[in-house]
Amino acid sequence: NVFRGWSQSDVFLLDRGARARGRVVAPDDAHALVTVTAGQDHLYDGRVRAGRLLLLTNEGAPRYQLLGIDPARAVDPAARTVVIPEGAGTIDGWEIAGSRLVLHVLSDVRSHLVVHGLDGALEGEIELPGRGSVSSFDAELESGRVLFDFSSYVHAPSVRLWTPPRRRARRSGAGAATLGAPTTVAEVDVPADLSALEVSQDSVASADGTPINVYWVHRRDLVR
């Protein structure tokens, strides 16, 4: 991936060889560097997993979508298929976590860590402490564990670790399943009892009718 500012990126693919021993580290006569996409006014982020090239892009999807393609046909845009379509929220980042895909989705002015199978099937969400923000996260490719930070108006900044369940979750009804709470690795010690507070969210209309999200930080026992 070659990023050219905030509005353009290029993706190149190098076949290093099927066997771990003797894999090349740079293009040569037998291993050409293939241009997947270049010079377009869109953002692309490409990664390979399980013999498939995955592309996160905002081309044709302002809130981003994830595409899949056979590496042997990487130069053919017509060969791309939608793995995870554009949704109501914006995909702000993604990681490959073992046999799963974890997406950081911004929706309703809050972070969500949404888990899909490699085929795009929705499994659910990693349980977060509440309304708040994830500013960075990473995943182990083999174990599937996910490490991320979290903070909010009523949660001290912390680092948390999520371990995927052995059995895949099955969705029940229209909502996404909750895939369990992560463990807290580290948390900033604050000289206040934040557990007595909570955050509520409302939407108010501006003068021109545009909805504006408003947060209320208040005591849990406050009667509104």
Protein backbone atom coordinates (compact mmCIF):
# COMPACT_ATOMS: atom_id res chain seq x y z
CA ASN A 1 0.00 0.00 0.00
CA VAL A 2 1.29 3.43 -0.96
CA PHE A 3 -0.69 6.32 0.51
CA ARG A 4 -0.61 9.70 -1.23
CA GLY A 5 -2.19 12.06 1.25
CA TRP A 6 -5.79 11.85 2.44
CA SER A 7 -7.51 11.19 -0.87
CA GLN A 8 -5.42 8.75 -2.90
CA SER A 9 -3.58 5.48 -2.41
CA ASP A 10 -2.08 2.77 -4.61
CA VAL A 11 -2.00 -0.99 -4.07
CA PHE A 12 0.65 -3.33 -5.50
CA LEU A 13 0.81 -7.12 -5.21
CA LEU A 14 3.94 -9.27 -5.09
CA ASP A 15 3.76 -13.07 -5.31
CA ARG A 16 6.67 -14.10 -3.08
CA GLY A 17 6.23 -17.82 -3.76
CA ALA A 18 4.07 -20.60 -2.32
CA ARG A 19 6.73 -22.14 -0.09
CA ALA A 20 8.01 -20.37 3.01
CA ARG A 21 11.56 -21.41 2.24
CA GLY A 22 13.07 -19.40 -0.56
CA ARG A 23 10.45 -16.69 -0.69
CA VAL A 24 11.62 -13.54 -2.44
CA VAL A 25 11.76 -10.19 -0.69
CA ALA A 26 11.74 -8.02 -3.81
CA PRO A 27 10.43 -8.25 -7.39
CA ASP A 28 12.56 -10.10 -9.95
CA ASP A 29 12.16 -11.61 -13.42
CA ALA A 30 10.06 -14.48 -12.05
CA HIS A 31 8.11 -12.43 -9.48
CA ALA A 32 6.72 -9.24 -10.99
CA LEU A 33 5.17 -6.43 -9.00
CA VAL A 34 1.51 -6.25 -10.06
CA THR A 35 -0.37 -2.94 -9.98
CA VAL A 36 -3.79 -3.56 -8.45
CA THR A 37 -4.83 0.09 -8.48
CA ALA A 38 -2.87 3.31 -8.89
CA GLY A 39 -3.46 6.96 -9.66
CA GLN A 40 -7.13 6.94 -8.71
CA ASP A 41 -8.75 9.59 -6.52
CA HIS A 42 -9.88 7.00 -4.01
CA LEU A 43 -8.42 5.29 -0.96
CA TYR A 44 -7.54 1.59 -0.99
CA ASP A 45 -6.01 -0.63 1.69
CA GLY A 46 -5.09 -4.14 0.53
CA ARG A 47 -4.14 -7.27 2.46
CA VAL A 48 -3.93 -10.98 1.60
CA ARG A 49 -5.42 -13.76 3.71
CA ALA A 50 -6.32 -17.36 2.91
CA GLY A 51 -5.39 -16.99 -0.75
CA ARG A 52 -7.59 -13.96 -1.26
CA LEU A 53 -6.81 -10.29 -1.72
CA LEU A 54 -9.01 -8.06 0.45
CA LEU A 55 -9.43 -4.36 -0.40
CA LEU A 56 -10.97 -1.73 1.82
CA THR A 57 -11.99 1.22 -0.34
CA ASN A 58 -14.18 4.29 -0.52
CA GLU A 59 -14.55 4.03 -4.29
CA GLY A 60 -18.28 4.00 -4.91
CA ALA A 61 -18.81 3.81 -1.14
CA PRO A 62 -18.09 7.03 0.81
CA ARG A 63 -18.40 5.16 4.12
CA TYR A 64 -16.14 2.38 2.77
CA GLN A 65 -16.72 -1.23 1.76
CA LEU A 66 -14.54 -4.34 1.74
CA LEU A 67 -13.93 -6.13 -1.56
CA GLY A 68 -12.42 -9.54 -2.30
CA ILE A 69 -10.55 -10.74 -5.38
CA ASP A 70 -8.55 -13.72 -6.58
CA PRO A 71 -4.89 -12.57 -6.59
CA ALA A 72 -4.50 -14.15 -10.04
CA ARG A 73 -7.06 -11.63 -11.33
CA ALA A 74 -5.96 -8.71 -9.19
CA VAL A 75 -5.65 -6.31 -12.13
CA ASP A 76 -9.25 -6.88 -13.26
CA PRO A 77 -11.72 -4.56 -11.47
CA ALA A 78 -14.60 -6.67 -12.80
CA ALA A 79 -13.34 -9.64 -10.78
CA ARG A 80 -13.86 -7.86 -7.47
CA THR A 81 -16.76 -8.95 -5.29
CA VAL A 82 -18.24 -7.25 -2.25
CA VAL A 83 -17.34 -9.01 0.99
CA ILE A 84 -18.71 -6.40 3.40
CA PRO A 85 -20.94 -3.76 1.84
CA GLU A 86 -21.08 -0.11 2.82
CA GLY A 87 -23.26 0.34 5.88
CA ALA A 88 -24.86 3.14 7.85
CA GLY A 89 -21.63 3.69 9.79
CA THR A 90 -18.18 4.60 8.48
CA ILE A 91 -15.46 1.95 8.49
CA ASP A 92 -12.56 3.77 10.16
CA GLY A 93 -10.12 0.84 10.24
CA TRP A 94 -9.84 -2.92 9.96
CA GLU A 95 -7.65 -5.84 10.99
CA ILE A 96 -7.40 -9.51 10.11
CA ALA A 97 -7.74 -11.47 13.35
CA GLY A 98 -7.10 -15.14 12.66
CA SER A 99 -10.09 -16.39 10.68
CA ARG A 100 -12.06 -13.23 11.34
CA LEU A 101 -12.20 -9.62 10.21
CA VAL A 102 -12.54 -6.90 12.84
CA LEU A 103 -13.81 -3.52 11.69
CA HIS A 104 -13.76 -0.26 13.63
CA VAL A 105 -17.04 1.35 12.67
CA LEU A 106 -18.06 4.89 13.63
CA SER A 107 -21.81 5.09 13.97
CA ASP A 108 -24.05 7.42 15.96
CA VAL A 109 -20.92 9.31 17.17
CA ARG A 110 -19.45 6.27 18.92
CA SER A 111 -17.04 3.42 18.21
CA HIS A 112 -18.05 -0.14 17.43
CA LEU A 113 -15.71 -3.10 16.95
CA VAL A 114 -17.64 -5.32 14.56
CA VAL A 115 -16.55 -8.90 13.86
CA HIS A 116 -17.09 -10.73 10.54
CA GLY A 117 -15.94 -14.03 9.15
CA LEU A 118 -13.45 -13.97 6.29
CA ASP A 119 -16.43 -14.56 4.01
CA GLY A 120 -18.04 -11.36 5.29
CA ALA A 121 -20.69 -13.05 7.45
CA LEU A 122 -21.52 -10.91 10.47
CA GLU A 123 -20.71 -12.57 13.81
CA GLY A 124 -21.33 -9.69 16.22
CA GLU A 125 -19.63 -6.95 18.19
CA ILE A 126 -16.89 -6.89 20.79
CA GLU A 127 -18.48 -5.60 23.96
CA LEU A 128 -17.29 -2.10 24.88
CA PRO A 129 -17.78 -0.48 28.30
CA GLY A 130 -20.24 2.03 26.90
CA ARG A 131 -20.46 4.98 24.53
CA GLY A 132 -16.92 6.03 23.77
CA SER A 133 -14.02 6.05 21.37
CA VAL A 134 -11.47 3.54 20.12
CA SER A 135 -8.54 5.47 18.69
CA SER A 136 -6.30 2.53 17.76
CA PHE A 137 -6.42 -1.26 17.66
CA ASP A 138 -4.39 -4.21 16.41
CA ALA A 139 -4.91 -7.94 16.04
CA GLU A 140 -2.77 -11.06 16.14
CA LEU A 141 -2.95 -12.82 12.81
CA GLU A 142 -2.78 -16.35 14.21
CA SER A 143 -4.56 -16.22 17.60
CA GLY A 144 -7.18 -13.68 16.55
CA ARG A 145 -6.79 -11.66 19.76
CA VAL A 146 -7.52 -7.95 19.48
CA LEU A 147 -5.80 -5.22 21.52
CA PHE A 148 -7.37 -1.76 21.59
CA ASP A 149 -7.68 1.40 23.62
CA PHE A 150 -10.93 2.88 24.87
CA SER A 151 -11.99 6.10 26.55
CA SER A 152 -15.11 8.18 27.09
CA TYR A 153 -16.47 10.99 29.23
CA VAL A 154 -17.08 8.51 32.06
CA HIS A 155 -14.40 5.88 31.38
CA ALA A 156 -10.73 6.51 32.08
CA PRO A 157 -8.40 5.79 29.13
CA SER A 158 -7.59 2.09 29.09
CA VAL A 159 -6.04 -0.69 27.03
CA ARG A 160 -8.16 -3.83 26.61
CA LEU A 161 -7.63 -7.30 25.16
CA TRP A 162 -10.34 -9.37 23.48
CA THR A 163 -9.91 -13.11 23.00
CA PRO A 164 -12.20 -14.63 20.34
CA PRO A 165 -14.60 -17.39 21.41
CA ARG A 166 -13.83 -20.91 20.26
CA ARG A 167 -17.30 -21.30 18.83
CA ARG A 168 -18.57 -18.85 16.29
CA ALA A 169 -21.52 -16.77 17.38
CA ARG A 170 -24.85 -17.11 15.67
CA ARG A 171 -26.98 -14.07 15.15
CA SER A 172 -30.41 -14.12 16.74
CA GLY A 173 -32.95 -11.68 15.37
CA ALA A 174 -31.99 -8.50 13.59
CA GLY A 175 -29.30 -7.32 16.01
CA ALA A 176 -25.68 -8.33 16.12
CA ALA A 177 -24.62 -10.75 18.85
CA THR A 178 -22.38 -9.56 21.67
CA LEU A 179 -19.13 -11.51 21.55
CA GLY A 180 -18.07 -11.02 25.14
CA ALA A 181 -16.25 -8.40 27.13
CA PRO A 182 -12.48 -7.92 26.80
CA THR A 183 -10.11 -7.92 29.75
CA THR A 184 -8.52 -4.70 30.97
CA VAL A 185 -4.75 -4.70 30.48
CA ALA A 186 -4.07 -1.19 31.80
CA GLU A 187 -6.13 1.79 32.88
CA VAL A 188 -5.32 5.35 33.87
CA ASP A 189 -5.90 5.96 37.59
CA VAL A 190 -8.17 9.00 38.01
CA PRO A 191 -8.94 10.70 41.35
CA ALA A 192 -12.71 10.45 40.91
CA ASP A 193 -15.46 7.86 41.07
CA LEU A 194 -16.56 7.68 37.46
CA SER A 195 -18.90 4.76 38.16
CA ALA A 196 -21.43 7.25 39.60
CA LEU A 197 -21.72 8.97 36.21
CA GLU A 198 -23.23 7.99 32.90
CA VAL A 199 -23.62 9.46 29.43
CA SER A 200 -26.92 9.96 27.64
CA GLN A 201 -27.28 11.02 24.03
CA ASP A 202 -29.97 13.11 22.40
CA SER A 203 -30.46 14.70 19.02
CA VAL A 204 -31.57 18.30 18.63
CA ALA A 205 -32.35 20.25 15.48
CA SER A 206 -30.29 23.25 14.42
CA ALA A 207 -31.84 26.39 12.92
CA ASP A 208 -31.85 24.81 9.46
CA GLY A 209 -33.17 21.49 10.73
CA THR A 210 -29.86 19.60 10.69
CA PRO A 211 -29.81 17.05 13.53
CA ILE A 212 -27.01 17.62 16.06
CA ASN A 213 -25.91 14.99 18.55
CA VAL A 214 -25.75 16.18 22.16
CA TYR A 215 -24.18 14.27 25.04
CA TRP A 216 -25.32 14.62 28.64
CA VAL A 217 -22.89 13.62 31.39
CA HIS A 218 -24.86 13.20 34.62
CA ARG A 219 -25.28 11.20 37.79
CA ARG A 220 -26.84 7.80 37.31
CA ASP A 221 -29.65 8.66 39.74
CA LEU A 222 -30.56 11.89 37.95
CA VAL A 223 -34.26 12.09 37.07
CA ARG A 224 -34.71 13.84 33.73
